[in-house]
Amino acid sequence: MTTKDTCASCGDASCTAKGKKPDEKEEAFLERQALASRLCKIGHRIMVLSGKGGVGKSTVAVNLAAALAAAGKRVGLLDIDIHGPSIPKLLHLEGARPSGGDHTLYPLPVEDAAGQLSVMSIGLLLPEPDSPVIWRGPMKYTVIKQFLKDVEWGELDYLIVDAPPGTGDEPLAVAQIIDSAVSFSSRPPPAAGLPTDGAVIVTTPQQVAVQDVRRSILFCRQVGLPVLGVVENMSGFVCPHCGERTPIFGDGGGQAMATELGVPFLGSVPIDPTVMASGESGMPLVTCYPSSPTARAFGHILQALLGPDEVKLPQPPSLPLPGAGGRLRVAVPLVGGRLAPQLGRCEAFAFFDIEPGTRSVQGPEIVASPSCEPGRLSRWLLEHGVQVMITSGLGVAAQRLFSKSGITAVAGASIGDPAAAVRAYLESAVREGSEP
């Protein structure tokens, strides 16, 4: 049998995946070689796991991937939840189709991400978004292997793998396939000292979730997958009006479990209504609400995982310089008298005038909204003397369009009283020590 040297992913002549003498059937050898050639371009592979459904695992995976991309990393997000893929909805990719041929698929780029982020999911290949996938284990294993072998991820710093709940076929398949491909290649990891392969475990604080999630940690130990840390999601609700924190699902269960089992605790993510708003709009929370407490919580988690030098936390905005009359005019989009969850759905705008020195607030003046297309809307807002627009959620591209027009678009306000959104914006700027 003639050895086929098909691995052309790098110029490392010492890599054993390049021209390795086969001791197995040629088809199996070439398949392992193809896997190794894909995966050796990926610096770090992190699987997001949970033994319990409904803990927000996919939301955590999306926001970790988006936060890494915003930190300047090249990131791929692979959704291996075969029966319930939710990544296309969370990233506004429903109806999109990846390009490629028989043995190569190209992941879809996420246009609204602040950085390089690409996605692959079974949900992108279904004939309809609600088409059920009725497969047994061997078929799921084959498809997951194709996602790793036939998807042209290119050079990535991180591949985030969103697994379904439990410890069944899907996470086991990924762990085994990656382990097989890595053992096939002798290339060292490209960034020594950082986690290369491992799992981030997601739980919520209550014991009924923690008990199931413990199984995910024991699963990782049995299959030889390092546990990089535990994230406690839905960890208390902070009232946007009074600031009081209420532990709706209990408190500290994830941290106690991590301590008991001897694994790192990466941090907590609070219950936040903007998580729902961002998921419904198809934009990662860390992208459309970069200055929110929840986005900063994800930043702290990444710092715990990678180190503070690798990830910089987003800073709340400073107050712009005052405009005409020495005042700052702020606009808040409204629907039904409350802050609109999406800019495109707003019915009117509330205008507030702020004295920068004393930060006293006057208003609101309510004005019916024009068309909310970014270019036309920015001109209309400038005609009304607006310098800052506070929104619940807004994509990076739209924020840049407003910025080019001279309007600071602030995303991340809690849906509710527009005056409370203005006060929260002012308090955020004060808390970070910025000057008016």
Protein backbone atom coordinates (compact mmCIF):
# COMPACT_ATOMS: atom_id res chain seq x y z
CA MET A 1 0.00 0.00 0.00
CA THR A 2 1.26 3.45 -0.89
CA THR A 3 1.25 6.11 1.81
CA LYS A 4 -0.52 9.29 0.69
CA ASP A 5 0.94 12.42 2.16
CA THR A 6 -2.24 14.54 2.10
CA CYS A 7 -1.58 16.68 5.18
CA ALA A 8 -0.60 20.13 3.95
CA SER A 9 -1.80 22.18 6.88
CA CYS A 10 1.65 23.27 8.02
CA GLY A 11 5.32 23.08 7.20
CA ASP A 12 6.36 21.13 10.29
CA ALA A 13 8.30 18.16 8.87
CA SER A 14 8.52 16.58 12.35
CA CYS A 15 4.75 16.23 12.65
CA THR A 16 3.84 12.54 12.64
CA ALA A 17 0.59 13.26 10.79
CA LYS A 18 2.68 14.13 7.72
CA GLY A 19 3.63 10.99 5.84
CA LYS A 20 3.10 8.66 8.80
CA LYS A 21 3.46 4.96 7.88
CA PRO A 22 -0.01 3.45 8.10
CA ASP A 23 -0.56 0.43 10.32
CA GLU A 24 -4.29 0.34 9.59
CA LYS A 25 -6.54 0.22 6.56
CA GLU A 26 -5.79 3.02 4.14
CA GLU A 27 -9.28 4.56 4.38
CA ALA A 28 -9.13 4.80 8.16
CA PHE A 29 -5.57 6.13 8.00
CA LEU A 30 -6.50 8.88 5.52
CA GLU A 31 -9.51 9.82 7.64
CA ARG A 32 -7.38 10.23 10.77
CA GLN A 33 -4.83 12.17 8.74
CA ALA A 34 -7.56 14.53 7.47
CA LEU A 35 -8.81 15.05 11.03
CA ALA A 36 -5.31 15.79 12.28
CA SER A 37 -4.66 18.25 9.45
CA ARG A 38 -7.83 20.20 10.35
CA LEU A 39 -7.38 20.16 14.11
CA CYS A 40 -3.69 21.05 14.15
CA LYS A 41 -4.70 24.48 12.82
CA ILE A 42 -6.78 25.04 15.97
CA GLY A 43 -4.85 26.20 19.00
CA HIS A 44 -7.36 25.43 21.76
CA ARG A 45 -10.49 23.27 21.81
CA ILE A 46 -13.01 23.92 24.60
CA MET A 47 -16.24 21.98 25.07
CA VAL A 48 -19.11 23.63 26.99
CA LEU A 49 -20.93 20.92 28.96
CA SER A 50 -23.73 20.49 31.45
CA GLY A 51 -25.40 17.42 32.87
CA LYS A 52 -28.63 19.41 33.16
CA GLY A 53 -30.84 21.02 30.52
CA GLY A 54 -32.15 24.54 30.90
CA VAL A 55 -29.07 26.01 32.63
CA GLY A 56 -28.23 28.38 29.74
CA LYS A 57 -25.33 26.37 28.39
CA SER A 58 -25.75 27.53 24.79
CA THR A 59 -26.03 31.16 25.93
CA VAL A 60 -22.78 30.75 27.85
CA ALA A 61 -21.09 29.12 24.83
CA VAL A 62 -22.21 31.92 22.47
CA ASN A 63 -21.08 34.69 24.79
CA LEU A 64 -17.75 33.07 25.61
CA ALA A 65 -17.08 32.68 21.88
CA ALA A 66 -18.15 36.26 21.14
CA ALA A 67 -16.10 37.63 24.05
CA LEU A 68 -13.03 35.78 22.78
CA ALA A 69 -13.60 37.22 19.31
CA ALA A 70 -13.97 40.71 20.79
CA ALA A 71 -10.63 40.15 22.55
CA GLY A 72 -8.98 39.70 19.16
CA LYS A 73 -8.99 35.89 18.98
CA ARG A 74 -9.94 33.86 15.91
CA VAL A 75 -12.86 31.76 17.10
CA GLY A 76 -15.00 28.94 15.75
CA LEU A 77 -18.26 27.84 17.40
CA LEU A 78 -19.40 24.28 16.71
CA ASP A 79 -22.94 23.32 17.75
CA ILE A 80 -23.16 19.54 18.25
CA ASP A 81 -26.65 19.53 19.77
CA ILE A 82 -28.07 17.35 17.01
CA HIS A 83 -31.66 17.22 18.27
CA GLY A 84 -32.03 20.78 19.57
CA PRO A 85 -29.59 23.14 17.84
CA SER A 86 -30.10 26.65 19.21
CA ILE A 87 -26.92 28.42 18.05
CA PRO A 88 -28.42 29.55 14.68
CA LYS A 89 -31.26 31.32 16.51
CA LEU A 90 -28.96 32.87 19.12
CA LEU A 91 -26.74 34.29 16.35
CA HIS A 92 -29.42 35.30 13.85
CA LEU A 93 -28.34 32.66 11.33
CA GLU A 94 -31.69 30.95 10.80
CA GLY A 95 -32.21 30.18 7.12
CA ALA A 96 -28.54 30.69 6.27
CA ARG A 97 -26.69 27.87 4.51
CA PRO A 98 -22.95 27.09 4.55
CA SER A 99 -21.15 26.80 1.23
CA GLY A 100 -18.89 23.97 0.11
CA GLY A 101 -18.76 20.65 -1.69
CA ASP A 102 -18.74 16.94 -0.88
CA HIS A 103 -15.75 16.92 1.48
CA THR A 104 -15.45 20.57 2.48
CA LEU A 105 -17.91 22.87 4.23
CA TYR A 106 -17.18 26.48 5.15
CA PRO A 107 -18.50 27.77 8.47
CA LEU A 108 -20.70 30.84 8.44
CA PRO A 109 -19.18 34.13 9.66
CA VAL A 110 -21.11 36.08 12.29
CA GLU A 111 -21.40 39.59 10.88
CA ASP A 112 -22.53 41.27 14.13
CA ALA A 113 -19.66 39.86 16.20
CA ALA A 114 -16.93 42.27 17.26
CA GLY A 115 -14.13 40.14 15.81
CA GLN A 116 -13.59 36.96 13.84
CA LEU A 117 -16.26 34.39 14.74
CA SER A 118 -17.54 31.56 12.52
CA VAL A 119 -20.23 28.95 13.18
CA MET A 120 -21.27 25.46 12.12
CA SER A 121 -24.41 23.66 13.29
CA ILE A 122 -26.71 20.90 12.13
CA GLY A 123 -29.40 23.60 12.30
CA LEU A 124 -27.77 25.26 9.27
CA LEU A 125 -28.21 22.10 7.20
CA LEU A 126 -31.85 21.22 7.95
CA PRO A 127 -34.47 21.75 5.23
CA GLU A 128 -36.62 23.75 7.71
CA PRO A 129 -35.71 25.29 11.09
CA ASP A 130 -38.22 23.03 12.89
CA SER A 131 -37.32 19.82 11.03
CA PRO A 132 -36.73 17.04 13.61
CA VAL A 133 -33.53 14.98 13.51
CA ILE A 134 -34.37 11.34 14.27
CA TRP A 135 -31.00 9.60 14.47
CA ARG A 136 -29.41 6.90 16.56
CA GLY A 137 -25.95 7.11 18.09
CA PRO A 138 -23.81 5.87 15.13
CA MET A 139 -25.31 8.46 12.77
CA LYS A 140 -24.69 11.27 15.27
CA TYR A 141 -21.07 10.12 15.69
CA THR A 142 -20.58 10.18 11.91
CA VAL A 143 -21.97 13.72 11.54
CA ILE A 144 -19.91 15.09 14.44
CA LYS A 145 -16.79 13.55 12.90
CA GLN A 146 -17.65 15.24 9.61
CA PHE A 147 -18.02 18.59 11.40
CA LEU A 148 -14.46 18.21 12.67
CA LYS A 149 -12.96 16.62 9.53
CA ASP A 150 -14.79 18.28 6.64
CA VAL A 151 -15.40 21.82 7.93
CA GLU A 152 -12.66 24.20 6.82
CA TRP A 153 -12.25 26.16 10.02
CA GLY A 154 -8.90 27.55 8.92
CA GLU A 155 -6.45 28.92 11.46
CA LEU A 156 -8.25 29.34 14.80
CA ASP A 157 -7.10 30.35 18.24
CA TYR A 158 -10.16 28.70 19.83
CA LEU A 159 -12.85 26.24 18.82
CA ILE A 160 -15.80 26.38 21.24
CA VAL A 161 -17.97 23.24 21.10
CA ASP A 162 -21.53 23.58 22.41
CA ALA A 163 -22.67 20.11 23.52
CA PRO A 164 -26.23 19.03 24.40
CA PRO A 165 -27.17 18.31 28.03
CA GLY A 166 -25.99 15.06 29.55
CA THR A 167 -23.05 12.73 29.11
CA GLY A 168 -24.18 10.75 26.07
CA ASP A 169 -23.19 10.24 22.46
CA GLU A 170 -22.36 13.80 21.42
CA PRO A 171 -19.80 14.90 24.06
CA LEU A 172 -18.30 11.41 24.09
CA ALA A 173 -17.89 11.53 20.30
CA VAL A 174 -16.09 14.88 20.41
CA ALA A 175 -13.78 13.78 23.23
CA GLN A 176 -12.85 10.56 21.44
CA ILE A 177 -12.42 12.11 17.99
CA ILE A 178 -10.23 14.95 19.21
CA ASP A 179 -8.17 12.60 21.36
CA SER A 180 -7.65 10.27 18.39
CA ALA A 181 -6.62 13.11 16.07
CA VAL A 182 -4.29 14.72 18.63
CA SER A 183 -2.56 11.41 19.36
CA PHE A 184 -2.07 10.98 15.60
CA SER A 185 -0.09 14.23 15.44
CA SER A 186 2.98 14.98 17.53
CA ARG A 187 2.88 18.75 17.01
CA PRO A 188 3.09 20.70 20.28
CA PRO A 189 0.32 23.15 21.22
CA PRO A 190 0.97 26.57 19.66
CA ALA A 191 0.62 28.58 22.88
CA ALA A 192 2.23 26.88 25.83
CA GLY A 193 0.74 27.71 29.20
CA LEU A 194 -2.82 28.28 28.00
CA PRO A 195 -5.50 25.56 28.15
CA THR A 196 -5.39 23.51 24.96
CA ASP A 197 -8.29 21.07 25.26
CA GLY A 198 -10.83 20.83 28.04
CA ALA A 199 -14.36 21.46 29.25
CA VAL A 200 -16.18 24.40 30.80
CA ILE A 201 -19.02 23.10 32.97
CA VAL A 202 -22.21 25.18 33.29
CA THR A 203 -24.64 24.91 36.20
CA THR A 204 -27.23 26.95 38.04
CA PRO A 205 -27.09 27.41 41.82
CA GLN A 206 -29.89 25.08 42.97
CA GLN A 207 -29.06 21.57 44.15
CA VAL A 208 -31.30 19.80 41.63
CA ALA A 209 -29.05 21.22 38.88
CA VAL A 210 -25.77 20.84 40.74
CA GLN A 211 -26.44 17.15 41.37
CA ASP A 212 -26.80 16.46 37.64
CA VAL A 213 -23.90 18.69 36.66
CA ARG A 214 -21.55 16.80 38.98
CA ARG A 215 -21.90 13.90 36.56
CA SER A 216 -20.39 16.03 33.79
CA ILE A 217 -17.24 16.55 35.84
CA LEU A 218 -16.98 12.82 36.59
CA PHE A 219 -17.63 12.12 32.88
CA CYS A 220 -14.69 14.35 31.93
CA ARG A 221 -12.41 12.53 34.35
CA GLN A 222 -13.41 9.14 33.00
CA VAL A 223 -12.74 10.10 29.36
CA GLY A 224 -9.55 12.03 30.17
CA LEU A 225 -10.92 15.48 29.31
CA PRO A 226 -9.49 18.23 31.57
CA VAL A 227 -12.06 20.35 33.44
CA LEU A 228 -11.08 23.97 32.87
CA GLY A 229 -13.63 25.30 35.32
CA VAL A 230 -17.25 25.76 36.42
CA VAL A 231 -19.57 28.65 35.51
CA GLU A 232 -22.60 29.33 37.70
CA ASN A 233 -25.31 30.81 35.48
CA MET A 234 -28.53 32.54 36.67
CA SER A 235 -26.76 33.44 39.89
CA GLY A 236 -29.13 35.93 41.48
CA PHE A 237 -31.27 38.71 40.04
CA VAL A 238 -30.24 42.34 40.54
CA CYS A 239 -33.19 44.74 40.42
CA PRO A 240 -32.49 47.46 37.85
CA HIS A 241 -34.42 50.01 39.94
CA CYS A 242 -33.27 49.51 43.54
CA GLY A 243 -30.13 47.42 43.04
CA GLU A 244 -31.19 44.71 45.48
CA ARG A 245 -29.94 41.21 44.64
CA THR A 246 -32.38 38.29 45.00
CA PRO A 247 -31.03 34.70 44.80
CA ILE A 248 -34.01 33.25 42.91
CA PHE A 249 -32.41 29.83 42.35
CA GLY A 250 -30.36 29.74 45.53
CA ASP A 251 -26.82 30.91 45.98
CA GLY A 252 -23.31 29.49 45.61
CA GLY A 253 -24.17 25.92 44.59
CA GLY A 254 -21.78 25.94 41.63
CA GLN A 255 -18.89 27.34 43.62
CA ALA A 256 -19.42 24.84 46.44
CA MET A 257 -19.46 21.96 43.93
CA ALA A 258 -16.27 23.19 42.27
CA THR A 259 -14.51 23.43 45.63
CA GLU A 260 -15.69 19.97 46.69
CA LEU A 261 -14.54 18.32 43.45
CA GLY A 262 -11.28 20.26 43.25
CA VAL A 263 -11.87 22.10 39.96
CA PRO A 264 -11.53 25.85 39.26
CA PHE A 265 -14.55 28.10 39.74
CA LEU A 266 -14.55 30.60 36.86
CA GLY A 267 -17.33 32.91 38.04
CA SER A 268 -21.04 33.68 38.18
CA VAL A 269 -23.44 35.18 35.63
CA PRO A 270 -26.52 36.98 37.01
CA ILE A 271 -30.10 36.66 35.80
CA ASP A 272 -30.53 39.51 33.38
CA PRO A 273 -33.58 40.37 31.21
CA THR A 274 -31.22 41.55 28.49
CA VAL A 275 -30.05 37.94 28.06
CA MET A 276 -33.52 37.16 26.71
CA ALA A 277 -33.55 40.30 24.58
CA SER A 278 -30.17 39.52 23.04
CA GLY A 279 -31.12 35.91 22.36
CA GLU A 280 -34.38 36.94 20.68
CA SER A 281 -32.59 39.50 18.53
CA GLY A 282 -29.84 37.04 17.56
CA MET A 283 -26.93 39.09 18.90
CA PRO A 284 -24.51 37.96 21.66
CA LEU A 285 -25.08 39.84 24.89
CA VAL A 286 -21.40 40.74 25.16
CA THR A 287 -21.64 42.38 21.72
CA CYS A 288 -24.86 44.38 22.02
CA TYR A 289 -24.57 45.11 25.78
CA PRO A 290 -20.77 45.42 26.15
CA SER A 291 -20.89 47.64 29.25
CA SER A 292 -23.59 45.73 31.13
CA PRO A 293 -22.79 43.90 34.40
CA THR A 294 -23.55 40.59 32.69
CA ALA A 295 -21.10 41.28 29.84
CA ARG A 296 -18.47 42.18 32.41
CA ALA A 297 -19.23 38.93 34.25
CA PHE A 298 -18.34 37.02 31.07
CA GLY A 299 -15.19 39.10 30.84
CA HIS A 300 -14.20 38.08 34.38
CA ILE A 301 -14.85 34.42 33.49
CA LEU A 302 -12.51 34.68 30.50
CA GLN A 303 -9.89 36.38 32.65
CA ALA A 304 -10.13 33.50 35.15
CA LEU A 305 -9.78 31.02 32.29
CA LEU A 306 -7.05 32.68 30.21
CA GLY A 307 -5.44 35.27 32.47
CA PRO A 308 -6.00 39.05 32.76
CA ASP A 309 -3.37 39.84 30.13
CA GLU A 310 -5.32 37.91 27.47
CA VAL A 311 -8.72 39.58 28.01
CA LYS A 312 -9.47 43.22 28.74
CA LEU A 313 -12.82 44.06 30.34
CA PRO A 314 -15.07 46.47 28.41
CA GLN A 315 -15.23 49.91 29.98
CA PRO A 316 -18.48 51.81 30.48
CA PRO A 317 -18.79 54.90 28.28
CA SER A 318 -17.66 58.35 29.31
CA LEU A 319 -19.94 61.34 28.95
CA PRO A 320 -19.43 63.17 25.64
CA LEU A 321 -18.70 66.89 25.62
CA PRO A 322 -21.79 69.09 26.07
CA GLY A 323 -23.54 70.38 22.98
CA ALA A 324 -25.45 73.56 22.26
CA GLY A 325 -26.29 75.55 25.37
CA GLY A 326 -23.75 73.62 27.43
CA ARG A 327 -26.08 70.65 27.81
CA LEU A 328 -25.98 67.00 26.78
CA ARG A 329 -29.06 65.68 24.95
CA VAL A 330 -29.83 61.98 25.33
CA ALA A 331 -32.41 60.01 23.31
CA VAL A 332 -34.14 56.82 24.45
CA PRO A 333 -36.27 54.77 21.97
CA LEU A 334 -39.72 53.88 23.33
CA VAL A 335 -42.48 51.38 22.74
CA GLY A 336 -45.55 51.64 24.94
CA GLY A 337 -43.83 54.33 27.00
CA ARG A 338 -40.96 52.01 28.00
CA LEU A 339 -37.49 51.47 26.59
CA ALA A 340 -37.88 49.52 23.33
CA PRO A 341 -36.32 46.03 23.35
CA GLN A 342 -35.28 46.55 19.71
CA LEU A 343 -34.52 49.85 17.98
CA GLY A 344 -36.48 48.85 14.86
CA ARG A 345 -39.68 48.50 16.90
CA CYS A 346 -39.62 51.93 18.59
CA GLU A 347 -42.69 54.16 18.33
CA ALA A 348 -41.23 57.36 19.78
CA PHE A 349 -38.14 58.86 21.39
CA ALA A 350 -37.78 60.40 24.83
CA PHE A 351 -35.31 63.32 24.84
CA PHE A 352 -33.53 64.21 28.09
CA ASP A 353 -31.30 67.25 28.65
CA ILE A 354 -28.41 66.81 31.12
CA GLU A 355 -26.33 69.47 32.81
CA PRO A 356 -22.79 67.92 32.71
CA GLY A 357 -21.53 69.73 35.79
CA THR A 358 -24.35 68.83 38.17
CA ARG A 359 -25.66 65.88 36.10
CA SER A 360 -29.19 67.11 36.67
CA VAL A 361 -31.70 65.66 34.22
CA GLN A 362 -34.56 67.55 32.57
CA GLY A 363 -37.33 65.97 30.53
CA PRO A 364 -38.47 63.89 28.92
CA GLU A 365 -39.71 65.44 25.72
CA ILE A 366 -41.56 62.76 23.73
CA VAL A 367 -41.31 62.91 19.93
CA ALA A 368 -42.76 60.41 17.44
CA SER A 369 -40.12 58.27 15.77
CA PRO A 370 -39.21 58.43 12.08
CA SER A 371 -38.01 55.38 10.14
CA CYS A 372 -35.42 53.59 12.30
CA GLU A 373 -32.95 52.87 9.51
CA PRO A 374 -29.54 53.79 11.05
CA GLY A 375 -28.52 56.33 8.38
CA ARG A 376 -31.83 58.19 8.27
CA LEU A 377 -32.37 57.95 12.03
CA SER A 378 -28.93 59.38 12.85
CA ARG A 379 -29.63 62.45 10.68
CA TRP A 380 -33.00 62.94 12.39
CA LEU A 381 -31.45 62.63 15.85
CA LEU A 382 -28.72 65.15 14.97
CA GLU A 383 -31.39 67.60 13.79
CA HIS A 384 -32.86 67.34 17.31
CA GLY A 385 -29.47 68.01 18.93
CA VAL A 386 -28.96 64.44 20.23
CA GLN A 387 -25.44 63.34 21.17
CA VAL A 388 -26.17 60.06 23.00
CA MET A 389 -28.72 57.33 22.26
CA ILE A 390 -29.37 54.72 24.95
CA THR A 391 -30.72 51.39 23.66
CA SER A 392 -31.48 47.95 24.98
CA GLY A 393 -29.58 46.19 22.21
CA LEU A 394 -27.76 47.28 19.08
CA GLY A 395 -25.37 45.44 16.80
CA VAL A 396 -21.74 46.47 16.39
CA ALA A 397 -22.22 47.56 12.77
CA ALA A 398 -25.14 49.83 13.68
CA GLN A 399 -23.21 51.29 16.63
CA ARG A 400 -20.37 52.18 14.26
CA LEU A 401 -22.76 53.88 11.84
CA PHE A 402 -24.13 56.10 14.61
CA SER A 403 -20.60 56.82 15.83
CA LYS A 404 -19.53 57.99 12.37
CA SER A 405 -22.49 60.39 12.46
CA GLY A 406 -21.33 61.83 15.78
CA ILE A 407 -23.84 60.02 18.01
CA THR A 408 -22.68 57.78 20.84
CA ALA A 409 -24.92 54.68 20.79
CA VAL A 410 -24.96 52.98 24.20
CA ALA A 411 -26.30 49.40 24.29
CA GLY A 412 -27.11 47.41 27.39
CA ALA A 413 -29.87 49.34 29.17
CA SER A 414 -32.48 47.29 31.03
CA ILE A 415 -35.91 47.31 29.42
CA GLY A 416 -38.08 49.59 31.56
CA ASP A 417 -38.39 53.22 32.61
CA PRO A 418 -36.44 55.46 30.17
CA ALA A 419 -35.51 57.88 32.96
CA ALA A 420 -34.00 54.95 34.91
CA ALA A 421 -31.94 54.06 31.80
CA VAL A 422 -30.55 57.61 31.68
CA ARG A 423 -29.69 57.54 35.40
CA ALA A 424 -27.99 54.16 35.00
CA TYR A 425 -25.93 55.57 32.11
CA LEU A 426 -24.82 58.55 34.21
CA GLU A 427 -24.02 56.36 37.24
CA SER A 428 -21.98 53.99 35.09
CA ALA A 429 -19.82 56.86 33.83
CA VAL A 430 -19.35 58.20 37.35
CA ARG A 431 -18.50 54.81 38.83
CA GLU A 432 -15.60 54.34 36.41
CA GLY A 433 -14.17 57.75 37.32
CA SER A 434 -14.67 59.35 33.91
CA GLU A 435 -14.96 63.10 33.63
CA PRO A 436 -17.93 64.92 32.09
